[in-house]
């Protein structure tokens, strides 16, 4: 189709075509003719990325985003994605976020360097229209949750976001998302949390990954009876008081000991002294015993060697994948396999970084 023929198309159809391009690419079409000059700014999906070589100058990038949002006026924004590195401050980013929230954005993705933007505006967590919210990954932007009101939010992905209220903040977050179906929390730091309690009757997919550190969480609980997929990566907790995964189908488990704990259990083993468990993985395995497909990291296998009273029977398990590492013992494997009476598929996956 020639440009002349495309000029016969209505604006809404042209905007639909342009929505398949990034905002940067769509902006190039403004050179085609007078009619196209501002058309790119009317697409419902906006994607801005300052890492691009086209916007190495911060001032030009800021001017570009400001211009696009101004041209849109009060038009509805469907999706807004912002990726910007160092050099952008709160006063640059906050107005953009406020603008799209005012105009009913339903999908918001923010990747903002915390080297300059230390705090996320709490208004991000107050929106009648958001259906999907993604923040991160970056190095720990902080947020203090004053109010959480996300009545339509179904997917929430937070990576390296620091809740200064810790566990209280997470509880407030979940209570303000009544229809949330997918929750992913990455690179959590136990220095702010200490313990964790996730409770939701609606969640279907749950990912909780904690940063590698020298601390063990005091207590970790999940009351999530409708979760079908669970991914969990963390130092082994001192206790798992409540685990409710009645509907679980697939799980990926990576529980590990701290470096000090590893050194201690190896020292005790070499001296033939009685081992003292540094945590009890039995509680965690009991909580996910309904699982059908299970992935275990090599750290989990090592943790089972030292931190498990007894491996429970996993009657529903039909597919098991175990990550292998030559530095990790396999003492727990025979008992694990013995307690999987209906296992059909066993896969050994080599850790490419530590074969």
C-alpha atoms as a PDB file:
ATOM      1  CA  UNK A   1       0.000   0.000   0.000  1.00  0.00           C
ATOM      2  CA  UNK A   2       1.406   3.398  -0.975  1.00  0.00           C
ATOM      3  CA  UNK A   3       1.530   6.441   1.305  1.00  0.00           C
ATOM      4  CA  UNK A   4      -1.126   8.035  -0.878  1.00  0.00           C
ATOM      5  CA  UNK A   5      -3.506   5.139  -0.293  1.00  0.00           C
ATOM      6  CA  UNK A   6      -2.743   5.129   3.428  1.00  0.00           C
ATOM      7  CA  UNK A   7      -3.685   8.800   3.607  1.00  0.00           C
ATOM      8  CA  UNK A   8      -7.222   7.741   2.693  1.00  0.00           C
ATOM      9  CA  UNK A   9      -7.481   5.684   5.888  1.00  0.00           C
ATOM     10  CA  UNK A  10      -9.161   7.176   8.971  1.00  0.00           C
ATOM     11  CA  UNK A  11      -6.996   8.357  11.858  1.00  0.00           C
ATOM     12  CA  UNK A  12      -8.104   5.612  14.225  1.00  0.00           C
ATOM     13  CA  UNK A  13      -7.005   2.901  11.774  1.00  0.00           C
ATOM     14  CA  UNK A  14      -3.657   4.605  11.153  1.00  0.00           C
ATOM     15  CA  UNK A  15      -3.123   4.837  14.907  1.00  0.00           C
ATOM     16  CA  UNK A  16      -3.838   1.133  15.184  1.00  0.00           C
ATOM     17  CA  UNK A  17      -1.145   0.456  12.569  1.00  0.00           C
ATOM     18  CA  UNK A  18       1.330   2.750  14.326  1.00  0.00           C
ATOM     19  CA  UNK A  19       0.655   1.032  17.650  1.00  0.00           C
ATOM     20  CA  UNK A  20       2.632  -1.946  16.328  1.00  0.00           C
ATOM     21  CA  UNK A  21       5.746   0.259  16.346  1.00  0.00           C
ATOM     22  CA  UNK A  22       7.692   1.678  19.257  1.00  0.00           C
ATOM     23  CA  UNK A  23       6.965   5.335  19.976  1.00  0.00           C
ATOM     24  CA  UNK A  24      10.430   6.196  18.685  1.00  0.00           C
ATOM     25  CA  UNK A  25       9.760   4.428  15.372  1.00  0.00           C
ATOM     26  CA  UNK A  26       6.260   5.846  15.087  1.00  0.00           C
ATOM     27  CA  UNK A  27       7.651   9.365  15.545  1.00  0.00           C
ATOM     28  CA  UNK A  28       9.651   8.988  12.321  1.00  0.00           C
ATOM     29  CA  UNK A  29       6.372   8.889  10.368  1.00  0.00           C
ATOM     30  CA  UNK A  30       5.819  12.549  11.294  1.00  0.00           C
ATOM     31  CA  UNK A  31       8.140  13.371   8.373  1.00  0.00           C
ATOM     32  CA  UNK A  32       5.794  11.833   5.798  1.00  0.00           C
ATOM     33  CA  UNK A  33       3.320  14.683   5.499  1.00  0.00           C
ATOM     34  CA  UNK A  34       1.567  17.425   7.430  1.00  0.00           C
ATOM     35  CA  UNK A  35      -1.245  15.051   8.373  1.00  0.00           C
ATOM     36  CA  UNK A  36       1.230  12.588   9.911  1.00  0.00           C
ATOM     37  CA  UNK A  37       3.065  15.242  11.908  1.00  0.00           C
ATOM     38  CA  UNK A  38       1.228  14.621  15.161  1.00  0.00           C
ATOM     39  CA  UNK A  39      -0.520  11.346  14.395  1.00  0.00           C
ATOM     40  CA  UNK A  40       2.136   9.192  16.090  1.00  0.00           C
ATOM     41  CA  UNK A  41       1.371  10.838  19.441  1.00  0.00           C
ATOM     42  CA  UNK A  42      -2.235   9.627  19.335  1.00  0.00           C
ATOM     43  CA  UNK A  43      -1.466   5.890  19.471  1.00  0.00           C
ATOM     44  CA  UNK A  44      -2.816   4.283  22.669  1.00  0.00           C
ATOM     45  CA  UNK A  45       0.443   2.465  23.475  1.00  0.00           C
ATOM     46  CA  UNK A  46       3.479   4.582  24.408  1.00  0.00           C
ATOM     47  CA  UNK A  47       6.988   3.143  24.723  1.00  0.00           C
ATOM     48  CA  UNK A  48       9.883   5.387  25.770  1.00  0.00           C
ATOM     49  CA  UNK A  49      13.450   4.174  26.237  1.00  0.00           C
ATOM     50  CA  UNK A  50      16.349   6.495  27.049  1.00  0.00           C
ATOM     51  CA  UNK A  51      18.927   3.698  26.696  1.00  0.00           C
ATOM     52  CA  UNK A  52      18.518   4.028  22.935  1.00  0.00           C
ATOM     53  CA  UNK A  53      21.396   5.699  21.093  1.00  0.00           C
ATOM     54  CA  UNK A  54      18.828   8.045  19.556  1.00  0.00           C
ATOM     55  CA  UNK A  55      18.292   9.671  22.951  1.00  0.00           C
ATOM     56  CA  UNK A  56      21.752   9.890  24.510  1.00  0.00           C
ATOM     57  CA  UNK A  57      21.000  13.517  25.388  1.00  0.00           C
ATOM     58  CA  UNK A  58      18.748  13.623  28.463  1.00  0.00           C
ATOM     59  CA  UNK A  59      17.294  16.998  27.562  1.00  0.00           C
ATOM     60  CA  UNK A  60      16.153  15.866  24.123  1.00  0.00           C
ATOM     61  CA  UNK A  61      14.582  12.731  25.597  1.00  0.00           C
ATOM     62  CA  UNK A  62      12.708  14.732  28.239  1.00  0.00           C
ATOM     63  CA  UNK A  63      11.512  17.180  25.588  1.00  0.00           C
ATOM     64  CA  UNK A  64      10.374  14.291  23.386  1.00  0.00           C
ATOM     65  CA  UNK A  65       8.300  12.641  26.137  1.00  0.00           C
ATOM     66  CA  UNK A  66       6.842  15.995  27.216  1.00  0.00           C
ATOM     67  CA  UNK A  67       5.883  16.787  23.617  1.00  0.00           C
ATOM     68  CA  UNK A  68       4.163  13.455  23.020  1.00  0.00           C
ATOM     69  CA  UNK A  69       2.142  13.661  26.224  1.00  0.00           C
ATOM     70  CA  UNK A  70       1.166  17.258  25.480  1.00  0.00           C
ATOM     71  CA  UNK A  71       0.026  16.369  21.958  1.00  0.00           C
ATOM     72  CA  UNK A  72      -2.158  13.589  23.358  1.00  0.00           C
ATOM     73  CA  UNK A  73      -4.070  16.011  25.527  1.00  0.00           C
ATOM     74  CA  UNK A  74      -6.763  14.133  27.423  1.00  0.00           C
ATOM     75  CA  UNK A  75      -6.788  11.050  25.172  1.00  0.00           C
ATOM     76  CA  UNK A  76      -6.851   7.669  26.910  1.00  0.00           C
ATOM     77  CA  UNK A  77      -3.515   5.849  27.337  1.00  0.00           C
ATOM     78  CA  UNK A  78      -3.723   2.066  27.127  1.00  0.00           C
ATOM     79  CA  UNK A  79      -0.092   1.118  27.763  1.00  0.00           C
ATOM     80  CA  UNK A  80       2.813   3.228  29.001  1.00  0.00           C
ATOM     81  CA  UNK A  81       6.344   1.823  29.174  1.00  0.00           C
ATOM     82  CA  UNK A  82       9.227   3.938  30.469  1.00  0.00           C
ATOM     83  CA  UNK A  83      12.859   2.841  30.602  1.00  0.00           C
ATOM     84  CA  UNK A  84      15.435   5.398  31.623  1.00  0.00           C
ATOM     85  CA  UNK A  85      18.881   5.100  33.156  1.00  0.00           C
ATOM     86  CA  UNK A  86      20.998   7.415  35.257  1.00  0.00           C
ATOM     87  CA  UNK A  87      20.549  11.151  35.021  1.00  0.00           C
ATOM     88  CA  UNK A  88      16.766  11.345  35.290  1.00  0.00           C
ATOM     89  CA  UNK A  89      15.423  12.713  38.544  1.00  0.00           C
ATOM     90  CA  UNK A  90      12.108  12.640  40.384  1.00  0.00           C
ATOM     91  CA  UNK A  91      11.021  15.950  38.894  1.00  0.00           C
ATOM     92  CA  UNK A  92      11.466  14.522  35.386  1.00  0.00           C
ATOM     93  CA  UNK A  93       9.718  11.188  35.878  1.00  0.00           C
ATOM     94  CA  UNK A  94       6.891  11.974  38.321  1.00  0.00           C
ATOM     95  CA  UNK A  95       4.903  14.261  35.963  1.00  0.00           C
ATOM     96  CA  UNK A  96       4.910  11.589  33.244  1.00  0.00           C
ATOM     97  CA  UNK A  97       3.586   8.955  35.637  1.00  0.00           C
ATOM     98  CA  UNK A  98       0.931  11.328  36.961  1.00  0.00           C
ATOM     99  CA  UNK A  99      -0.126  12.207  33.414  1.00  0.00           C
ATOM    100  CA  UNK A 100      -0.802   8.647  32.255  1.00  0.00           C
ATOM    101  CA  UNK A 101      -2.514   7.740  35.527  1.00  0.00           C
ATOM    102  CA  UNK A 102      -4.884  10.668  35.043  1.00  0.00           C
ATOM    103  CA  UNK A 103      -5.652   9.467  31.535  1.00  0.00           C
ATOM    104  CA  UNK A 104      -6.685   5.961  32.509  1.00  0.00           C
ATOM    105  CA  UNK A 105      -3.602   3.870  31.710  1.00  0.00           C
ATOM    106  CA  UNK A 106      -4.305   0.142  32.071  1.00  0.00           C
ATOM    107  CA  UNK A 107      -0.772  -1.269  31.559  1.00  0.00           C
ATOM    108  CA  UNK A 108       2.095   0.576  33.263  1.00  0.00           C
ATOM    109  CA  UNK A 109       5.737  -0.551  33.066  1.00  0.00           C
ATOM    110  CA  UNK A 110       8.496   1.443  34.803  1.00  0.00           C
ATOM    111  CA  UNK A 111      12.217   0.730  34.622  1.00  0.00           C
ATOM    112  CA  UNK A 112      13.787   3.716  36.324  1.00  0.00           C
ATOM    113  CA  UNK A 113      17.289   3.886  37.775  1.00  0.00           C
ATOM    114  CA  UNK A 114      17.179   4.294  41.551  1.00  0.00           C
ATOM    115  CA  UNK A 115      20.571   6.007  41.439  1.00  0.00           C
ATOM    116  CA  UNK A 116      18.587   9.185  40.808  1.00  0.00           C
ATOM    117  CA  UNK A 117      14.945   8.354  41.474  1.00  0.00           C
ATOM    118  CA  UNK A 118      15.184   7.185  45.080  1.00  0.00           C
ATOM    119  CA  UNK A 119      11.466   7.072  45.835  1.00  0.00           C
ATOM    120  CA  UNK A 120       8.578   5.909  43.713  1.00  0.00           C
ATOM    121  CA  UNK A 121       5.446   8.048  43.982  1.00  0.00           C
ATOM    122  CA  UNK A 122       2.871   6.242  46.109  1.00  0.00           C
ATOM    123  CA  UNK A 123       0.185   7.372  43.642  1.00  0.00           C
ATOM    124  CA  UNK A 124       1.354   4.517  41.375  1.00  0.00           C
ATOM    125  CA  UNK A 125      -0.584   2.245  43.716  1.00  0.00           C
ATOM    126  CA  UNK A 126      -3.808   4.238  43.510  1.00  0.00           C
ATOM    127  CA  UNK A 127      -5.595   3.754  40.185  1.00  0.00           C
ATOM    128  CA  UNK A 128      -9.076   2.692  39.108  1.00  0.00           C
ATOM    129  CA  UNK A 129      -7.866   1.636  35.659  1.00  0.00           C
ATOM    130  CA  UNK A 130      -4.582  -0.268  36.065  1.00  0.00           C
ATOM    131  CA  UNK A 131      -4.820  -3.928  35.046  1.00  0.00           C
ATOM    132  CA  UNK A 132      -1.091  -4.650  34.858  1.00  0.00           C
ATOM    133  CA  UNK A 133       1.736  -2.954  36.771  1.00  0.00           C
ATOM    134  CA  UNK A 134       5.438  -3.726  36.390  1.00  0.00           C
ATOM    135  CA  UNK A 135       8.236  -1.903  38.215  1.00  0.00           C
ATOM    136  CA  UNK A 136      11.921  -2.789  37.847  1.00  0.00           C
ATOM    137  CA  UNK A 137      14.392  -4.283  37.563  1.00  0.00           C
ATOM    138  CA  UNK A 138      16.802  -1.782  39.065  1.00  0.00           C
ATOM    139  CA  UNK A 139      18.744  -1.273  42.275  1.00  0.00           C
ATOM    140  CA  UNK A 140      16.095  -0.794  44.891  1.00  0.00           C
ATOM    141  CA  UNK A 141      13.828   2.222  44.396  1.00  0.00           C
ATOM    142  CA  UNK A 142      11.889   2.704  47.634  1.00  0.00           C
ATOM    143  CA  UNK A 143       8.178   3.175  48.141  1.00  0.00           C
ATOM    144  CA  UNK A 144       6.127   4.055  51.194  1.00  0.00           C
ATOM    145  CA  UNK A 145       2.581   2.862  50.736  1.00  0.00           C
ATOM    146  CA  UNK A 146       0.160   5.456  52.039  1.00  0.00           C
ATOM    147  CA  UNK A 147      -2.885   4.004  50.316  1.00  0.00           C
ATOM    148  CA  UNK A 148      -3.360   1.097  47.935  1.00  0.00           C
ATOM    149  CA  UNK A 149      -6.410   1.106  45.688  1.00  0.00           C
ATOM    150  CA  UNK A 150      -6.064  -1.028  42.574  1.00  0.00           C
ATOM    151  CA  UNK A 151      -9.536  -2.549  42.094  1.00  0.00           C
ATOM    152  CA  UNK A 152      -8.865  -3.845  38.551  1.00  0.00           C
ATOM    153  CA  UNK A 153      -5.235  -4.938  38.863  1.00  0.00           C
ATOM    154  CA  UNK A 154      -4.683  -8.557  37.805  1.00  0.00           C
ATOM    155  CA  UNK A 155      -0.904  -8.684  37.304  1.00  0.00           C
ATOM    156  CA  UNK A 156       1.696  -7.112  39.602  1.00  0.00           C
ATOM    157  CA  UNK A 157       5.426  -7.522  38.927  1.00  0.00           C
ATOM    158  CA  UNK A 158       7.852  -5.799  41.295  1.00  0.00           C
ATOM    159  CA  UNK A 159      11.604  -6.339  41.008  1.00  0.00           C
ATOM    160  CA  UNK A 160      14.032  -4.776  43.506  1.00  0.00           C
ATOM    161  CA  UNK A 161      11.329  -2.498  44.877  1.00  0.00           C
ATOM    162  CA  UNK A 162      11.878  -1.791  48.573  1.00  0.00           C
ATOM    163  CA  UNK A 163       8.837  -1.496  50.836  1.00  0.00           C
ATOM    164  CA  UNK A 164      10.049   0.499  53.808  1.00  0.00           C
ATOM    165  CA  UNK A 165       7.153  -0.921  55.875  1.00  0.00           C
ATOM    166  CA  UNK A 166       8.337  -4.472  55.150  1.00  0.00           C
ATOM    167  CA  UNK A 167       5.721  -7.144  55.826  1.00  0.00           C
ATOM    168  CA  UNK A 168       3.118  -4.531  56.772  1.00  0.00           C
ATOM    169  CA  UNK A 169       3.576  -2.948  53.353  1.00  0.00           C
ATOM    170  CA  UNK A 170       3.059  -6.264  51.561  1.00  0.00           C
ATOM    171  CA  UNK A 171      -0.148  -6.928  53.507  1.00  0.00           C
ATOM    172  CA  UNK A 172      -1.432  -3.455  52.656  1.00  0.00           C
ATOM    173  CA  UNK A 173      -0.529  -4.050  49.007  1.00  0.00           C
ATOM    174  CA  UNK A 174      -2.478  -7.307  48.746  1.00  0.00           C
ATOM    175  CA  UNK A 175      -5.513  -5.942  50.570  1.00  0.00           C
ATOM    176  CA  UNK A 176      -5.744  -3.147  47.997  1.00  0.00           C
ATOM    177  CA  UNK A 177      -5.723  -5.546  45.016  1.00  0.00           C
ATOM    178  CA  UNK A 178      -8.962  -7.546  45.360  1.00  0.00           C
ATOM    179  CA  UNK A 179      -8.796  -9.271  41.932  1.00  0.00           C
ATOM    180  CA  UNK A 180      -5.024  -9.839  41.682  1.00  0.00           C
ATOM    181  CA  UNK A 181      -4.248 -13.134  39.914  1.00  0.00           C
ATOM    182  CA  UNK A 182      -0.489 -12.920  39.341  1.00  0.00           C
ATOM    183  CA  UNK A 183       2.061 -11.596  41.838  1.00  0.00           C
ATOM    184  CA  UNK A 184       5.814 -11.536  41.272  1.00  0.00           C
ATOM    185  CA  UNK A 185       8.182 -10.073  43.875  1.00  0.00           C
ATOM    186  CA  UNK A 186      11.859 -10.178  42.923  1.00  0.00           C
ATOM    187  CA  UNK A 187      15.070  -9.380  44.808  1.00  0.00           C
ATOM    188  CA  UNK A 188      13.413  -8.851  48.165  1.00  0.00           C
ATOM    189  CA  UNK A 189      15.726  -7.933  51.033  1.00  0.00           C
ATOM    190  CA  UNK A 190      15.012  -9.457  54.429  1.00  0.00           C
ATOM    191  CA  UNK A 191      16.630  -6.468  56.138  1.00  0.00           C
ATOM    192  CA  UNK A 192      13.330  -4.677  55.506  1.00  0.00           C
ATOM    193  CA  UNK A 193      11.013  -7.658  55.954  1.00  0.00           C
ATOM    194  CA  UNK A 194      12.259 -10.169  58.546  1.00  0.00           C
ATOM    195  CA  UNK A 195       9.214 -12.352  57.946  1.00  0.00           C
ATOM    196  CA  UNK A 196       6.718 -12.854  55.155  1.00  0.00           C
ATOM    197  CA  UNK A 197       3.024 -13.690  55.022  1.00  0.00           C
ATOM    198  CA  UNK A 198       1.230 -13.814  51.678  1.00  0.00           C
ATOM    199  CA  UNK A 199      -2.506 -14.420  51.912  1.00  0.00           C
ATOM    200  CA  UNK A 200      -4.895 -14.347  48.962  1.00  0.00           C
ATOM    201  CA  UNK A 201      -7.813 -16.485  47.831  1.00  0.00           C
ATOM    202  CA  UNK A 202      -7.624 -15.063  44.299  1.00  0.00           C
ATOM    203  CA  UNK A 203      -3.956 -15.474  43.328  1.00  0.00           C
ATOM    204  CA  UNK A 204      -3.223 -18.077  40.658  1.00  0.00           C
ATOM    205  CA  UNK A 205       0.471 -17.431  39.974  1.00  0.00           C
ATOM    206  CA  UNK A 206       2.985 -16.481  42.671  1.00  0.00           C
ATOM    207  CA  UNK A 207       6.702 -15.741  42.364  1.00  0.00           C
ATOM    208  CA  UNK A 208       8.804 -14.763  45.369  1.00  0.00           C
ATOM    209  CA  UNK A 209      12.554 -14.397  44.871  1.00  0.00           C
ATOM    210  CA  UNK A 210      14.782 -12.983  47.598  1.00  0.00           C
ATOM    211  CA  UNK A 211      18.226 -11.507  47.127  1.00  0.00           C
ATOM    212  CA  UNK A 212      21.274 -13.548  48.135  1.00  0.00           C
ATOM    213  CA  UNK A 213      22.254 -12.402  51.615  1.00  0.00           C
ATOM    214  CA  UNK A 214      23.539 -13.649  54.977  1.00  0.00           C
ATOM    215  CA  UNK A 215      20.161 -13.562  56.715  1.00  0.00           C
ATOM    216  CA  UNK A 216      17.495 -16.213  57.122  1.00  0.00           C
ATOM    217  CA  UNK A 217      13.868 -15.107  57.247  1.00  0.00           C
ATOM    218  CA  UNK A 218      12.328 -15.744  60.641  1.00  0.00           C
ATOM    219  CA  UNK A 219       9.017 -16.935  59.271  1.00  0.00           C
ATOM    220  CA  UNK A 220       7.496 -17.483  55.818  1.00  0.00           C
ATOM    221  CA  UNK A 221       3.832 -18.338  55.261  1.00  0.00           C
ATOM    222  CA  UNK A 222       1.611 -18.653  52.200  1.00  0.00           C
ATOM    223  CA  UNK A 223      -2.162 -18.911  52.443  1.00  0.00           C
ATOM    224  CA  UNK A 224      -2.868 -19.143  48.726  1.00  0.00           C
ATOM    225  CA  UNK A 225      -5.288 -22.026  48.069  1.00  0.00           C
ATOM    226  CA  UNK A 226      -5.885 -21.216  44.387  1.00  0.00           C
ATOM    227  CA  UNK A 227      -2.284 -20.783  43.244  1.00  0.00           C
ATOM    228  CA  UNK A 228      -1.475 -23.194  40.405  1.00  0.00           C
ATOM    229  CA  UNK A 229       2.098 -21.975  39.748  1.00  0.00           C
ATOM    230  CA  UNK A 230       4.618 -21.177  42.493  1.00  0.00           C
ATOM    231  CA  UNK A 231       8.232 -20.050  42.102  1.00  0.00           C
ATOM    232  CA  UNK A 232      10.218 -19.563  45.291  1.00  0.00           C
ATOM    233  CA  UNK A 233      13.884 -18.623  45.728  1.00  0.00           C
ATOM    234  CA  UNK A 234      15.173 -17.767  49.196  1.00  0.00           C
ATOM    235  CA  UNK A 235      17.417 -18.683  52.108  1.00  0.00           C
ATOM    236  CA  UNK A 236      15.763 -21.388  54.147  1.00  0.00           C
ATOM    237  CA  UNK A 237      13.408 -19.918  56.719  1.00  0.00           C
ATOM    238  CA  UNK A 238      13.563 -20.761  60.391  1.00  0.00           C
ATOM    239  CA  UNK A 239       9.947 -21.869  60.161  1.00  0.00           C
ATOM    240  CA  UNK A 240       7.029 -22.146  57.727  1.00  0.00           C
ATOM    241  CA  UNK A 241       3.970 -21.863  60.024  1.00  0.00           C
ATOM    242  CA  UNK A 242       1.260 -21.869  57.351  1.00  0.00           C
ATOM    243  CA  UNK A 243       1.408 -23.226  53.817  1.00  0.00           C
ATOM    244  CA  UNK A 244      -1.797 -23.585  51.811  1.00  0.00           C
ATOM    245  CA  UNK A 245      -1.304 -24.656  48.198  1.00  0.00           C
ATOM    246  CA  UNK A 246      -4.358 -26.852  47.664  1.00  0.00           C
ATOM    247  CA  UNK A 247      -4.532 -26.196  43.892  1.00  0.00           C
ATOM    248  CA  UNK A 248      -0.807 -26.279  43.103  1.00  0.00           C
ATOM    249  CA  UNK A 249       0.172 -27.835  39.768  1.00  0.00           C
ATOM    250  CA  UNK A 250       3.709 -26.588  39.090  1.00  0.00           C
ATOM    251  CA  UNK A 251       6.456 -25.332  41.407  1.00  0.00           C
ATOM    252  CA  UNK A 252      10.065 -24.178  41.110  1.00  0.00           C
ATOM    253  CA  UNK A 253      11.941 -24.295  44.426  1.00  0.00           C
ATOM    254  CA  UNK A 254      15.354 -22.792  45.149  1.00  0.00           C
ATOM    255  CA  UNK A 255      16.004 -22.785  48.890  1.00  0.00           C
ATOM    256  CA  UNK A 256      19.554 -22.342  50.097  1.00  0.00           C
ATOM    257  CA  UNK A 257      21.706 -22.012  53.180  1.00  0.00           C
ATOM    258  CA  UNK A 258      23.786 -18.933  53.899  1.00  0.00           C
ATOM    259  CA  UNK A 259      27.530 -19.155  53.355  1.00  0.00           C
ATOM    260  CA  UNK A 260      28.119 -19.321  57.117  1.00  0.00           C
ATOM    261  CA  UNK A 261      25.610 -22.146  57.461  1.00  0.00           C
ATOM    262  CA  UNK A 262      27.228 -24.090  54.633  1.00  0.00           C
ATOM    263  CA  UNK A 263      30.643 -23.720  56.227  1.00  0.00           C
ATOM    264  CA  UNK A 264      29.275 -24.802  59.601  1.00  0.00           C
ATOM    265  CA  UNK A 265      27.511 -27.974  58.427  1.00  0.00           C
ATOM    266  CA  UNK A 266      30.531 -29.035  56.391  1.00  0.00           C
ATOM    267  CA  UNK A 267      32.804 -28.507  59.391  1.00  0.00           C
ATOM    268  CA  UNK A 268      30.496 -30.569  61.601  1.00  0.00           C
ATOM    269  CA  UNK A 269      30.291 -33.316  58.964  1.00  0.00           C
ATOM    270  CA  UNK A 270      34.072 -33.559  58.719  1.00  0.00           C
ATOM    271  CA  UNK A 271      34.344 -33.921  62.514  1.00  0.00           C
ATOM    272  CA  UNK A 272      31.579 -36.553  62.704  1.00  0.00           C
ATOM    273  CA  UNK A 273      29.659 -34.459  65.202  1.00  0.00           C
ATOM    274  CA  UNK A 274      25.881 -34.491  65.391  1.00  0.00           C
ATOM    275  CA  UNK A 275      24.399 -32.151  62.813  1.00  0.00           C
ATOM    276  CA  UNK A 276      22.185 -29.330  63.984  1.00  0.00           C
ATOM    277  CA  UNK A 277      19.606 -28.361  61.394  1.00  0.00           C
ATOM    278  CA  UNK A 278      19.677 -24.725  60.355  1.00  0.00           C
ATOM    279  CA  UNK A 279      16.048 -24.870  59.254  1.00  0.00           C
ATOM    280  CA  UNK A 280      13.483 -27.487  58.347  1.00  0.00           C
ATOM    281  CA  UNK A 281      12.642 -27.886  54.671  1.00  0.00           C
ATOM    282  CA  UNK A 282      10.182 -30.654  55.548  1.00  0.00           C
ATOM    283  CA  UNK A 283       7.559 -28.034  56.373  1.00  0.00           C
ATOM    284  CA  UNK A 284       7.962 -26.433  52.948  1.00  0.00           C
ATOM    285  CA  UNK A 285       7.773 -29.750  51.084  1.00  0.00           C
ATOM    286  CA  UNK A 286       4.696 -30.757  53.055  1.00  0.00           C
ATOM    287  CA  UNK A 287       3.057 -27.511  52.013  1.00  0.00           C
ATOM    288  CA  UNK A 288       3.549 -28.208  48.295  1.00  0.00           C
ATOM    289  CA  UNK A 289       2.959 -31.981  48.411  1.00  0.00           C
ATOM    290  CA  UNK A 290       0.062 -31.722  45.914  1.00  0.00           C
ATOM    291  CA  UNK A 291       2.367 -30.516  43.146  1.00  0.00           C
ATOM    292  CA  UNK A 292       2.461 -32.372  39.815  1.00  0.00           C
ATOM    293  CA  UNK A 293       5.484 -30.743  38.146  1.00  0.00           C
ATOM    294  CA  UNK A 294       8.468 -29.794  40.314  1.00  0.00           C
ATOM    295  CA  UNK A 295      11.825 -28.130  39.662  1.00  0.00           C
ATOM    296  CA  UNK A 296      14.525 -28.276  42.361  1.00  0.00           C
ATOM    297  CA  UNK A 297      17.758 -26.280  42.191  1.00  0.00           C
ATOM    298  CA  UNK A 298      21.093 -27.775  43.264  1.00  0.00           C
ATOM    299  CA  UNK A 299      21.014 -25.472  46.292  1.00  0.00           C
ATOM    300  CA  UNK A 300      17.715 -27.075  47.271  1.00  0.00           C
ATOM    301  CA  UNK A 301      19.247 -30.531  46.968  1.00  0.00           C
ATOM    302  CA  UNK A 302      22.086 -29.484  49.274  1.00  0.00           C
ATOM    303  CA  UNK A 303      19.638 -27.929  51.719  1.00  0.00           C
ATOM    304  CA  UNK A 304      17.675 -31.191  51.854  1.00  0.00           C
ATOM    305  CA  UNK A 305      20.902 -32.958  52.854  1.00  0.00           C
ATOM    306  CA  UNK A 306      21.237 -30.878  56.011  1.00  0.00           C
ATOM    307  CA  UNK A 307      17.910 -29.201  56.729  1.00  0.00           C
ATOM    308  CA  UNK A 308      15.210 -31.793  56.349  1.00  0.00           C
ATOM    309  CA  UNK A 309      13.836 -34.094  59.047  1.00  0.00           C
ATOM    310  CA  UNK A 310      12.023 -36.299  56.554  1.00  0.00           C
ATOM    311  CA  UNK A 311      11.009 -35.995  52.927  1.00  0.00           C
ATOM    312  CA  UNK A 312       7.222 -36.271  52.610  1.00  0.00           C
ATOM    313  CA  UNK A 313       5.500 -38.447  50.032  1.00  0.00           C
ATOM    314  CA  UNK A 314       4.681 -36.520  46.848  1.00  0.00           C
ATOM    315  CA  UNK A 315       1.890 -38.703  45.495  1.00  0.00           C
ATOM    316  CA  UNK A 316       0.770 -36.405  42.682  1.00  0.00           C
ATOM    317  CA  UNK A 317       4.249 -35.692  41.326  1.00  0.00           C
ATOM    318  CA  UNK A 318       4.700 -36.956  37.762  1.00  0.00           C
ATOM    319  CA  UNK A 319       7.490 -34.698  36.442  1.00  0.00           C
ATOM    320  CA  UNK A 320      10.650 -33.856  38.406  1.00  0.00           C
ATOM    321  CA  UNK A 321      13.570 -31.737  37.198  1.00  0.00           C
ATOM    322  CA  UNK A 322      16.715 -31.560  39.329  1.00  0.00           C
ATOM    323  CA  UNK A 323      19.528 -29.116  38.676  1.00  0.00           C
ATOM    324  CA  UNK A 324      22.912 -30.761  39.217  1.00  0.00           C
ATOM    325  CA  UNK A 325      26.224 -29.383  40.417  1.00  0.00           C
ATOM    326  CA  UNK A 326      29.379 -31.409  41.004  1.00  0.00           C
ATOM    327  CA  UNK A 327      30.072 -29.639  44.301  1.00  0.00           C
ATOM    328  CA  UNK A 328      26.729 -30.607  45.828  1.00  0.00           C
ATOM    329  CA  UNK A 329      26.093 -33.998  47.408  1.00  0.00           C
ATOM    330  CA  UNK A 330      23.235 -36.270  46.374  1.00  0.00           C
ATOM    331  CA  UNK A 331      22.537 -37.861  49.767  1.00  0.00           C
ATOM    332  CA  UNK A 332      18.895 -36.793  49.807  1.00  0.00           C
ATOM    333  CA  UNK A 333      18.097 -37.927  46.258  1.00  0.00           C
ATOM    334  CA  UNK A 334      17.381 -41.660  46.881  1.00  0.00           C
ATOM    335  CA  UNK A 335      14.820 -40.884  49.590  1.00  0.00           C
ATOM    336  CA  UNK A 336      13.289 -38.145  47.453  1.00  0.00           C
ATOM    337  CA  UNK A 337      12.790 -40.521  44.521  1.00  0.00           C
ATOM    338  CA  UNK A 338      11.472 -43.238  46.812  1.00  0.00           C
ATOM    339  CA  UNK A 339       8.774 -40.844  47.988  1.00  0.00           C
ATOM    340  CA  UNK A 340       7.567 -40.040  44.459  1.00  0.00           C
ATOM    341  CA  UNK A 341       5.568 -43.227  43.731  1.00  0.00           C
ATOM    342  CA  UNK A 342       3.872 -41.917  40.581  1.00  0.00           C
ATOM    343  CA  UNK A 343       6.851 -40.191  38.988  1.00  0.00           C
ATOM    344  CA  UNK A 344       6.866 -40.577  35.186  1.00  0.00           C
ATOM    345  CA  UNK A 345       9.593 -38.165  34.050  1.00  0.00           C
ATOM    346  CA  UNK A 346      12.936 -37.414  35.729  1.00  0.00           C
ATOM    347  CA  UNK A 347      15.233 -34.772  34.228  1.00  0.00           C
ATOM    348  CA  UNK A 348      18.741 -33.864  35.382  1.00  0.00           C
ATOM    349  CA  UNK A 349      19.600 -30.359  34.291  1.00  0.00           C
ATOM    350  CA  UNK A 350      23.254 -29.304  34.335  1.00  0.00           C
ATOM    351  CA  UNK A 351      24.015 -25.905  35.845  1.00  0.00           C
ATOM    352  CA  UNK A 352      25.818 -24.199  32.957  1.00  0.00           C
ATOM    353  CA  UNK A 353      27.671 -21.772  35.239  1.00  0.00           C
ATOM    354  CA  UNK A 354      28.822 -24.490  37.655  1.00  0.00           C
ATOM    355  CA  UNK A 355      28.767 -27.799  35.747  1.00  0.00           C
END
